[in-house]
N, C-alpha and C. Protein backbone atom coordinates (compact mmCIF):
# COMPACT_ATOMS: atom_id res chain seq x y z
N UNK A 1 0.86 -1.18 0.00
CA UNK A 1 0.00 0.00 0.00
C UNK A 1 0.89 1.24 0.00
N UNK A 2 0.60 2.17 -0.87
CA UNK A 2 1.37 3.41 -0.98
C UNK A 2 0.89 4.38 0.10
N UNK A 3 1.69 4.53 1.17
CA UNK A 3 1.26 5.36 2.30
C UNK A 3 1.26 6.85 2.00
N UNK A 4 1.80 7.26 0.85
CA UNK A 4 1.70 8.67 0.47
C UNK A 4 0.31 8.98 -0.09
N UNK A 5 -0.42 7.95 -0.47
CA UNK A 5 -1.77 8.13 -1.02
C UNK A 5 -2.83 7.53 -0.12
N UNK A 6 -2.64 6.30 0.31
CA UNK A 6 -3.64 5.60 1.12
C UNK A 6 -3.33 5.78 2.59
N UNK A 7 -4.34 6.15 3.35
CA UNK A 7 -4.17 6.44 4.78
C UNK A 7 -5.14 5.58 5.59
N UNK A 8 -4.92 5.51 6.89
CA UNK A 8 -5.81 4.78 7.78
C UNK A 8 -6.27 5.71 8.89
N UNK A 9 -7.57 5.68 9.18
CA UNK A 9 -8.11 6.52 10.25
C UNK A 9 -7.46 6.19 11.59
N UNK A 10 -7.06 4.96 11.78
CA UNK A 10 -6.44 4.58 13.05
C UNK A 10 -5.11 5.30 13.28
N UNK A 11 -4.52 5.88 12.23
CA UNK A 11 -3.27 6.64 12.37
C UNK A 11 -3.50 8.12 12.67
N UNK A 12 -4.76 8.58 12.62
CA UNK A 12 -5.06 9.99 12.85
C UNK A 12 -5.48 10.17 14.31
N UNK A 13 -4.78 11.02 15.05
CA UNK A 13 -5.16 11.19 16.46
C UNK A 13 -6.55 11.82 16.59
N UNK A 14 -7.25 11.42 17.64
CA UNK A 14 -8.56 11.99 17.96
C UNK A 14 -8.34 13.14 18.93
N UNK A 15 -8.92 14.29 18.62
CA UNK A 15 -8.75 15.48 19.46
C UNK A 15 -10.13 15.99 19.88
N UNK A 16 -10.30 16.26 21.15
CA UNK A 16 -11.57 16.82 21.62
C UNK A 16 -11.51 18.33 21.40
N UNK A 17 -12.25 18.82 20.41
CA UNK A 17 -12.22 20.23 20.01
C UNK A 17 -13.07 21.09 20.92
N UNK A 18 -14.13 20.53 21.45
CA UNK A 18 -15.05 21.18 22.38
C UNK A 18 -15.69 20.03 23.14
N UNK A 19 -16.31 20.31 24.29
CA UNK A 19 -16.93 19.21 25.04
C UNK A 19 -17.90 18.41 24.18
N UNK A 20 -17.63 17.11 24.04
CA UNK A 20 -18.48 16.21 23.27
C UNK A 20 -18.18 16.16 21.79
N UNK A 21 -17.20 16.91 21.29
CA UNK A 21 -16.83 16.96 19.88
C UNK A 21 -15.43 16.35 19.70
N UNK A 22 -15.38 15.15 19.10
CA UNK A 22 -14.13 14.42 18.94
C UNK A 22 -13.77 14.37 17.46
N UNK A 23 -12.64 14.97 17.09
CA UNK A 23 -12.29 15.21 15.70
C UNK A 23 -11.08 14.40 15.26
N UNK A 24 -11.13 14.00 13.99
CA UNK A 24 -9.97 13.50 13.28
C UNK A 24 -9.83 14.38 12.05
N UNK A 25 -8.69 15.06 11.93
CA UNK A 25 -8.49 16.08 10.91
C UNK A 25 -7.56 15.57 9.80
N UNK A 26 -7.99 15.86 8.55
CA UNK A 26 -7.19 15.54 7.38
C UNK A 26 -6.97 16.86 6.63
N UNK A 27 -5.71 17.19 6.37
CA UNK A 27 -5.38 18.42 5.64
C UNK A 27 -4.78 18.05 4.29
N UNK A 28 -5.35 18.61 3.21
CA UNK A 28 -4.77 18.45 1.88
C UNK A 28 -4.09 19.77 1.54
N UNK A 29 -3.68 19.91 0.31
CA UNK A 29 -3.07 21.18 -0.10
C UNK A 29 -4.09 22.30 -0.20
N UNK A 30 -5.39 21.96 -0.32
CA UNK A 30 -6.41 22.99 -0.52
C UNK A 30 -7.60 22.92 0.43
N UNK A 31 -7.74 21.82 1.19
CA UNK A 31 -8.90 21.64 2.06
C UNK A 31 -8.50 21.12 3.42
N UNK A 32 -9.39 21.33 4.37
CA UNK A 32 -9.34 20.62 5.65
C UNK A 32 -10.62 19.83 5.75
N UNK A 33 -10.49 18.55 6.06
CA UNK A 33 -11.63 17.67 6.30
C UNK A 33 -11.63 17.32 7.77
N UNK A 34 -12.78 17.52 8.40
CA UNK A 34 -12.91 17.27 9.83
C UNK A 34 -13.97 16.18 10.02
N UNK A 35 -13.52 14.98 10.38
CA UNK A 35 -14.41 13.87 10.69
C UNK A 35 -14.67 13.92 12.18
N UNK A 36 -15.94 14.10 12.55
CA UNK A 36 -16.31 14.32 13.95
C UNK A 36 -17.25 13.23 14.46
N UNK A 37 -17.02 12.84 15.70
CA UNK A 37 -18.02 12.07 16.45
C UNK A 37 -18.49 13.00 17.54
N UNK A 38 -19.81 13.21 17.63
CA UNK A 38 -20.39 14.19 18.54
C UNK A 38 -21.39 13.49 19.44
N UNK A 39 -21.30 13.75 20.72
CA UNK A 39 -22.22 13.18 21.70
C UNK A 39 -23.55 13.93 21.68
N UNK A 40 -24.65 13.20 21.84
CA UNK A 40 -25.98 13.82 21.89
C UNK A 40 -26.00 14.94 22.92
N UNK A 41 -26.55 16.08 22.54
CA UNK A 41 -26.65 17.23 23.42
C UNK A 41 -25.46 18.17 23.38
N UNK A 42 -24.35 17.75 22.78
CA UNK A 42 -23.16 18.61 22.71
C UNK A 42 -23.47 19.82 21.81
N UNK A 43 -22.97 20.99 22.23
CA UNK A 43 -23.28 22.25 21.55
C UNK A 43 -22.02 22.85 20.91
N UNK A 44 -22.18 23.35 19.71
CA UNK A 44 -21.16 24.16 19.04
C UNK A 44 -21.66 25.60 19.08
N UNK A 45 -20.96 26.46 19.79
CA UNK A 45 -21.38 27.86 19.92
C UNK A 45 -21.43 28.54 18.55
N UNK A 46 -22.30 29.53 18.44
CA UNK A 46 -22.37 30.33 17.21
C UNK A 46 -21.02 31.00 16.99
N UNK A 47 -20.50 30.88 15.77
CA UNK A 47 -19.18 31.43 15.45
C UNK A 47 -19.12 31.74 13.95
N UNK A 48 -18.06 32.40 13.53
CA UNK A 48 -17.80 32.66 12.11
C UNK A 48 -16.34 32.34 11.83
N UNK A 49 -16.03 32.18 10.57
CA UNK A 49 -14.64 32.03 10.12
C UNK A 49 -14.59 32.38 8.63
N UNK A 50 -13.39 32.66 8.12
CA UNK A 50 -13.27 33.10 6.73
C UNK A 50 -13.21 31.97 5.71
N UNK A 51 -13.72 30.79 6.07
CA UNK A 51 -13.64 29.62 5.21
C UNK A 51 -15.03 29.24 4.69
N UNK A 52 -15.07 28.70 3.47
CA UNK A 52 -16.27 28.01 3.00
C UNK A 52 -16.35 26.72 3.79
N UNK A 53 -17.56 26.30 4.18
CA UNK A 53 -17.73 25.06 4.92
C UNK A 53 -18.91 24.29 4.35
N UNK A 54 -18.69 23.01 4.07
CA UNK A 54 -19.76 22.09 3.73
C UNK A 54 -19.90 21.14 4.91
N UNK A 55 -21.11 21.01 5.43
CA UNK A 55 -21.38 20.21 6.63
C UNK A 55 -22.28 19.03 6.25
N UNK A 56 -21.82 17.82 6.55
CA UNK A 56 -22.53 16.59 6.23
C UNK A 56 -22.74 15.77 7.49
N UNK A 57 -23.91 15.15 7.60
CA UNK A 57 -24.18 14.19 8.67
C UNK A 57 -24.03 12.79 8.07
N UNK A 58 -23.12 12.01 8.60
CA UNK A 58 -22.92 10.64 8.13
C UNK A 58 -23.78 9.66 8.91
N UNK A 59 -24.11 10.06 10.14
CA UNK A 59 -24.96 9.23 11.00
C UNK A 59 -25.59 10.12 12.06
N UNK A 60 -26.88 9.93 12.35
CA UNK A 60 -27.56 10.68 13.40
C UNK A 60 -28.26 11.92 12.89
N UNK A 61 -28.56 12.82 13.84
CA UNK A 61 -29.21 14.10 13.51
C UNK A 61 -28.51 15.23 14.25
N UNK A 62 -28.37 16.36 13.56
CA UNK A 62 -27.69 17.53 14.10
C UNK A 62 -28.52 18.75 13.75
N UNK A 63 -28.78 19.62 14.73
CA UNK A 63 -29.48 20.87 14.46
C UNK A 63 -28.43 21.94 14.19
N UNK A 64 -28.40 22.43 12.96
CA UNK A 64 -27.46 23.48 12.56
C UNK A 64 -28.23 24.80 12.48
N UNK A 65 -27.68 25.84 13.08
CA UNK A 65 -28.27 27.18 13.03
C UNK A 65 -27.35 28.05 12.18
N UNK A 66 -27.89 28.57 11.09
CA UNK A 66 -27.12 29.43 10.18
C UNK A 66 -27.86 30.74 10.05
N UNK A 67 -27.19 31.85 10.39
CA UNK A 67 -27.83 33.17 10.34
C UNK A 67 -29.11 33.20 11.16
N UNK A 68 -29.12 32.50 12.29
CA UNK A 68 -30.26 32.50 13.18
C UNK A 68 -31.38 31.55 12.81
N UNK A 69 -31.23 30.82 11.71
CA UNK A 69 -32.27 29.90 11.24
C UNK A 69 -31.85 28.46 11.53
N UNK A 70 -32.63 27.73 12.37
CA UNK A 70 -32.28 26.34 12.66
C UNK A 70 -32.77 25.39 11.56
N UNK A 71 -31.99 24.34 11.33
CA UNK A 71 -32.35 23.30 10.36
C UNK A 71 -31.80 21.98 10.87
N UNK A 72 -32.63 20.95 10.84
CA UNK A 72 -32.17 19.62 11.22
C UNK A 72 -31.44 19.00 10.03
N UNK A 73 -30.20 18.60 10.26
CA UNK A 73 -29.43 17.88 9.24
C UNK A 73 -29.45 16.40 9.58
N UNK A 74 -29.57 15.58 8.53
CA UNK A 74 -29.46 14.13 8.67
C UNK A 74 -28.69 13.63 7.45
N UNK A 75 -28.74 12.35 7.19
CA UNK A 75 -27.95 11.82 6.09
C UNK A 75 -28.44 12.26 4.72
N UNK A 76 -29.61 12.90 4.66
CA UNK A 76 -30.15 13.37 3.39
C UNK A 76 -30.04 14.88 3.21
N UNK A 77 -29.66 15.61 4.25
CA UNK A 77 -29.63 17.07 4.20
C UNK A 77 -28.25 17.56 4.62
N UNK A 78 -27.67 18.44 3.83
CA UNK A 78 -26.36 19.00 4.17
C UNK A 78 -26.40 20.51 3.98
N UNK A 79 -25.34 21.17 4.43
CA UNK A 79 -25.30 22.64 4.36
C UNK A 79 -24.02 23.09 3.65
N UNK A 80 -24.15 24.15 2.87
CA UNK A 80 -23.01 24.84 2.26
C UNK A 80 -23.02 26.25 2.86
N UNK A 81 -22.03 26.53 3.71
CA UNK A 81 -22.01 27.77 4.49
C UNK A 81 -20.93 28.69 3.92
N UNK A 82 -21.32 29.87 3.44
CA UNK A 82 -20.32 30.82 2.93
C UNK A 82 -19.44 31.36 4.05
N UNK A 83 -18.31 31.95 3.71
CA UNK A 83 -17.43 32.55 4.72
C UNK A 83 -18.15 33.65 5.51
N UNK A 84 -17.74 33.81 6.76
CA UNK A 84 -18.17 34.90 7.65
C UNK A 84 -19.65 34.87 8.03
N UNK A 85 -20.35 33.76 7.81
CA UNK A 85 -21.77 33.64 8.17
C UNK A 85 -21.85 32.99 9.55
N UNK A 86 -22.58 33.61 10.50
CA UNK A 86 -22.69 33.02 11.84
C UNK A 86 -23.41 31.67 11.80
N UNK A 87 -22.82 30.69 12.47
CA UNK A 87 -23.42 29.35 12.51
C UNK A 87 -22.94 28.60 13.75
N UNK A 88 -23.69 27.60 14.14
CA UNK A 88 -23.38 26.73 15.26
C UNK A 88 -24.51 25.73 15.37
N UNK A 89 -24.52 24.94 16.43
CA UNK A 89 -25.61 23.98 16.55
C UNK A 89 -25.43 23.02 17.69
N UNK A 90 -26.23 21.94 17.65
CA UNK A 90 -26.16 20.93 18.70
C UNK A 90 -26.54 19.57 18.12
N UNK A 91 -25.96 18.55 18.71
CA UNK A 91 -26.26 17.18 18.31
C UNK A 91 -27.57 16.76 18.96
N UNK A 92 -28.52 16.35 18.15
CA UNK A 92 -29.79 15.83 18.67
C UNK A 92 -29.59 14.40 19.14
N UNK A 93 -28.83 13.63 18.38
CA UNK A 93 -28.46 12.26 18.73
C UNK A 93 -26.94 12.18 18.70
N UNK A 94 -26.37 11.07 19.13
CA UNK A 94 -24.97 10.83 18.83
C UNK A 94 -24.83 10.92 17.32
N UNK A 95 -23.79 11.61 16.86
CA UNK A 95 -23.63 11.87 15.42
C UNK A 95 -22.23 11.54 14.94
N UNK A 96 -22.16 11.25 13.66
CA UNK A 96 -20.90 11.26 12.93
C UNK A 96 -21.07 12.32 11.85
N UNK A 97 -20.17 13.29 11.84
CA UNK A 97 -20.25 14.42 10.91
C UNK A 97 -18.99 14.51 10.07
N UNK A 98 -19.10 15.17 8.94
CA UNK A 98 -17.95 15.53 8.12
C UNK A 98 -18.10 16.99 7.74
N UNK A 99 -17.11 17.79 8.11
CA UNK A 99 -17.05 19.19 7.67
C UNK A 99 -15.87 19.33 6.72
N UNK A 100 -16.11 19.97 5.58
CA UNK A 100 -15.07 20.21 4.59
C UNK A 100 -14.88 21.71 4.49
N UNK A 101 -13.65 22.17 4.68
CA UNK A 101 -13.33 23.60 4.69
C UNK A 101 -12.39 23.93 3.53
N UNK A 102 -12.61 25.11 2.96
CA UNK A 102 -11.70 25.66 1.96
C UNK A 102 -11.61 27.15 2.19
N UNK A 103 -10.42 27.73 2.26
CA UNK A 103 -9.12 27.06 2.20
C UNK A 103 -8.84 26.29 3.49
N UNK A 104 -7.63 25.77 3.58
CA UNK A 104 -7.20 24.98 4.73
C UNK A 104 -7.42 25.78 6.02
N UNK A 105 -7.87 25.09 7.06
CA UNK A 105 -8.01 25.69 8.38
C UNK A 105 -6.67 25.60 9.11
N UNK A 106 -5.85 26.62 8.94
CA UNK A 106 -4.54 26.63 9.60
C UNK A 106 -4.69 26.58 11.12
N UNK A 107 -5.77 27.17 11.66
CA UNK A 107 -5.97 27.13 13.10
C UNK A 107 -6.20 25.70 13.58
N UNK A 108 -6.84 24.88 12.76
CA UNK A 108 -7.06 23.48 13.14
C UNK A 108 -5.81 22.64 12.91
N UNK A 109 -4.96 23.04 11.99
CA UNK A 109 -3.71 22.31 11.76
C UNK A 109 -2.83 22.36 13.01
N UNK A 110 -3.00 23.41 13.80
CA UNK A 110 -2.18 23.59 15.02
C UNK A 110 -2.63 22.72 16.18
N UNK A 111 -3.81 22.08 16.08
CA UNK A 111 -4.30 21.25 17.19
C UNK A 111 -3.48 19.99 17.35
């Protein structure tokens, strides 16, 4: 297996980014991918950043609030969030999420 191309999740450290939010981060030359396991009831405070963000639910349900408007995300519903737009949310159930950021989240690379 070519380890410069093929990777294993077991080699990526798990980091608790906020209470109940456990992340495995993958950085490419142009994106940051954040694979998250989130405990039911865990909250992500409303925040902004200068990155485009695509938010996907791989398992469970997550209430995402964008510009003050709540929306339940599940495996059939995702969000494309422009830069500098206030957003946050909470896990309704235990969740597995994927957030894709462009450009790279240098602040997350430092974790």
